[in-house]
Amino acid sequence: MDPLTLGAGFGGLIALIIFIVTVVSIVNNKNHGTGGKFLWIVIAFFLNWIGSILWLLIGRGRGR
């Protein structure tokens, strides 16, 4: 088994977990409507790591 292949698989698993956590956070957020949540999920999906980081930095909005 090639160590690089194993590392790539592990990185993909981590990326999937981060994406799932991001989507759950988006869906549970009360600061955005349905359209805003859908847009954030699309951004997180197509921009992968960057989309998740953007959600954490600017997407969540202020807590109530």
N, C-alpha and C. Protein backbone atom coordinates (compact mmCIF):
# COMPACT_ATOMS: atom_id res chain seq x y z
N MET A 1 0.85 -1.19 0.00
CA MET A 1 0.00 0.00 0.00
C MET A 1 0.89 1.24 0.00
N ASP A 2 0.59 2.13 -0.90
CA ASP A 2 1.37 3.35 -1.06
C ASP A 2 1.00 4.37 0.02
N PRO A 3 1.97 4.90 0.75
CA PRO A 3 1.66 5.88 1.82
C PRO A 3 0.97 7.14 1.29
N LEU A 4 1.28 7.54 0.07
CA LEU A 4 0.64 8.74 -0.47
C LEU A 4 -0.84 8.50 -0.72
N THR A 5 -1.19 7.32 -1.17
CA THR A 5 -2.59 6.99 -1.39
C THR A 5 -3.34 6.95 -0.08
N LEU A 6 -2.73 6.38 0.94
CA LEU A 6 -3.35 6.32 2.26
C LEU A 6 -3.56 7.73 2.80
N GLY A 7 -2.59 8.61 2.63
CA GLY A 7 -2.73 9.99 3.08
C GLY A 7 -3.82 10.74 2.34
N ALA A 8 -3.95 10.49 1.05
CA ALA A 8 -4.99 11.15 0.27
C ALA A 8 -6.37 10.69 0.71
N GLY A 9 -6.51 9.42 1.01
CA GLY A 9 -7.79 8.91 1.48
C GLY A 9 -8.16 9.49 2.83
N PHE A 10 -7.18 9.61 3.70
CA PHE A 10 -7.41 10.19 5.02
C PHE A 10 -7.79 11.66 4.90
N GLY A 11 -7.12 12.38 4.02
CA GLY A 11 -7.44 13.79 3.80
C GLY A 11 -8.85 13.97 3.25
N GLY A 12 -9.25 13.05 2.36
CA GLY A 12 -10.60 13.09 1.82
C GLY A 12 -11.65 12.83 2.89
N LEU A 13 -11.34 11.92 3.79
CA LEU A 13 -12.25 11.62 4.90
C LEU A 13 -12.40 12.83 5.82
N ILE A 14 -11.30 13.49 6.11
CA ILE A 14 -11.34 14.70 6.95
C ILE A 14 -12.16 15.79 6.26
N ALA A 15 -11.95 15.97 4.95
CA ALA A 15 -12.69 16.97 4.19
C ALA A 15 -14.19 16.67 4.22
N LEU A 16 -14.56 15.40 4.10
CA LEU A 16 -15.97 15.01 4.15
C LEU A 16 -16.57 15.30 5.51
N ILE A 17 -15.84 15.00 6.56
CA ILE A 17 -16.34 15.27 7.92
C ILE A 17 -16.53 16.77 8.13
N ILE A 18 -15.56 17.57 7.69
CA ILE A 18 -15.67 19.02 7.83
C ILE A 18 -16.86 19.55 7.03
N PHE A 19 -17.08 19.02 5.82
CA PHE A 19 -18.22 19.44 5.00
C PHE A 19 -19.54 19.10 5.71
N ILE A 20 -19.64 17.91 6.25
CA ILE A 20 -20.87 17.50 6.94
C ILE A 20 -21.13 18.38 8.16
N VAL A 21 -20.10 18.66 8.94
CA VAL A 21 -20.26 19.54 10.10
C VAL A 21 -20.68 20.94 9.66
N THR A 22 -20.12 21.43 8.57
CA THR A 22 -20.48 22.75 8.04
C THR A 22 -21.94 22.77 7.61
N VAL A 23 -22.40 21.75 6.90
CA VAL A 23 -23.79 21.70 6.44
C VAL A 23 -24.75 21.64 7.63
N VAL A 24 -24.43 20.85 8.63
CA VAL A 24 -25.28 20.79 9.83
C VAL A 24 -25.33 22.15 10.51
N SER A 25 -24.20 22.83 10.59
CA SER A 25 -24.16 24.16 11.19
C SER A 25 -25.01 25.15 10.39
N ILE A 26 -24.93 25.07 9.07
CA ILE A 26 -25.72 25.96 8.21
C ILE A 26 -27.21 25.71 8.41
N VAL A 27 -27.61 24.45 8.39
CA VAL A 27 -29.03 24.11 8.51
C VAL A 27 -29.58 24.54 9.87
N ASN A 28 -28.80 24.41 10.92
CA ASN A 28 -29.26 24.76 12.26
C ASN A 28 -29.18 26.25 12.57
N ASN A 29 -28.58 27.05 11.69
CA ASN A 29 -28.42 28.48 11.92
C ASN A 29 -29.75 29.19 11.75
N LYS A 30 -30.09 30.05 12.70
CA LYS A 30 -31.36 30.77 12.68
C LYS A 30 -31.23 32.17 12.06
N ASN A 31 -30.01 32.57 11.67
CA ASN A 31 -29.79 33.90 11.12
C ASN A 31 -30.05 33.99 9.62
N HIS A 32 -30.29 32.87 8.95
CA HIS A 32 -30.49 32.87 7.50
C HIS A 32 -31.79 32.16 7.16
N GLY A 33 -32.42 32.61 6.08
CA GLY A 33 -33.62 31.95 5.56
C GLY A 33 -33.23 30.76 4.69
N THR A 34 -34.22 30.17 4.07
CA THR A 34 -33.98 28.98 3.25
C THR A 34 -33.05 29.27 2.08
N GLY A 35 -33.26 30.40 1.42
CA GLY A 35 -32.42 30.76 0.28
C GLY A 35 -30.97 30.99 0.68
N GLY A 36 -30.77 31.67 1.79
CA GLY A 36 -29.42 31.92 2.28
C GLY A 36 -28.72 30.64 2.70
N LYS A 37 -29.46 29.75 3.33
CA LYS A 37 -28.87 28.47 3.74
C LYS A 37 -28.47 27.66 2.51
N PHE A 38 -29.36 27.62 1.50
CA PHE A 38 -29.05 26.89 0.27
C PHE A 38 -27.80 27.46 -0.39
N LEU A 39 -27.70 28.78 -0.46
CA LEU A 39 -26.54 29.42 -1.07
C LEU A 39 -25.26 29.06 -0.33
N TRP A 40 -25.30 29.07 1.01
CA TRP A 40 -24.12 28.73 1.79
C TRP A 40 -23.72 27.26 1.61
N ILE A 41 -24.70 26.38 1.48
CA ILE A 41 -24.38 24.97 1.24
C ILE A 41 -23.71 24.80 -0.12
N VAL A 42 -24.21 25.52 -1.13
CA VAL A 42 -23.59 25.47 -2.46
C VAL A 42 -22.16 26.00 -2.40
N ILE A 43 -21.97 27.11 -1.69
CA ILE A 43 -20.61 27.67 -1.56
C ILE A 43 -19.69 26.68 -0.86
N ALA A 44 -20.16 26.09 0.23
CA ALA A 44 -19.33 25.13 0.96
C ALA A 44 -19.02 23.91 0.10
N PHE A 45 -19.97 23.49 -0.73
CA PHE A 45 -19.75 22.32 -1.58
C PHE A 45 -18.72 22.60 -2.67
N PHE A 46 -18.86 23.70 -3.36
CA PHE A 46 -17.98 23.97 -4.50
C PHE A 46 -16.62 24.53 -4.10
N LEU A 47 -16.53 25.18 -2.95
CA LEU A 47 -15.24 25.75 -2.53
C LEU A 47 -14.55 24.90 -1.47
N ASN A 48 -15.14 23.78 -1.10
CA ASN A 48 -14.57 22.82 -0.16
C ASN A 48 -14.04 23.48 1.11
N TRP A 49 -12.74 23.43 1.33
CA TRP A 49 -12.14 23.97 2.56
C TRP A 49 -12.42 25.46 2.71
N ILE A 50 -12.26 26.20 1.63
CA ILE A 50 -12.44 27.64 1.69
C ILE A 50 -13.89 27.99 2.03
N GLY A 51 -14.85 27.25 1.47
CA GLY A 51 -16.25 27.49 1.78
C GLY A 51 -16.57 27.27 3.25
N SER A 52 -15.98 26.23 3.83
CA SER A 52 -16.19 25.97 5.26
C SER A 52 -15.57 27.06 6.13
N ILE A 53 -14.39 27.50 5.74
CA ILE A 53 -13.73 28.58 6.50
C ILE A 53 -14.52 29.87 6.37
N LEU A 54 -15.00 30.18 5.16
CA LEU A 54 -15.81 31.38 4.98
C LEU A 54 -17.07 31.34 5.84
N TRP A 55 -17.71 30.17 5.91
CA TRP A 55 -18.90 30.03 6.75
C TRP A 55 -18.56 30.34 8.20
N LEU A 56 -17.44 29.79 8.69
CA LEU A 56 -17.06 30.01 10.08
C LEU A 56 -16.71 31.47 10.36
N LEU A 57 -16.09 32.13 9.38
CA LEU A 57 -15.65 33.51 9.60
C LEU A 57 -16.75 34.54 9.40
N ILE A 58 -17.55 34.41 8.33
CA ILE A 58 -18.50 35.47 8.02
C ILE A 58 -19.94 35.00 7.88
N GLY A 59 -20.17 33.72 7.68
CA GLY A 59 -21.50 33.25 7.35
C GLY A 59 -22.44 33.08 8.52
N ARG A 60 -21.91 32.73 9.67
CA ARG A 60 -22.77 32.41 10.80
C ARG A 60 -23.53 33.60 11.31
N GLY A 61 -22.97 34.78 11.15
CA GLY A 61 -23.64 35.98 11.66
C GLY A 61 -23.46 36.10 13.17
N ARG A 62 -24.05 37.09 13.70
CA ARG A 62 -23.94 37.33 15.14
C ARG A 62 -24.92 36.48 15.91
N GLY A 63 -24.50 36.04 17.08
CA GLY A 63 -25.41 35.28 17.94
C GLY A 63 -26.45 36.19 18.55
N ARG A 64 -27.60 35.62 18.85
CA ARG A 64 -28.69 36.42 19.40
C ARG A 64 -28.70 36.36 20.90
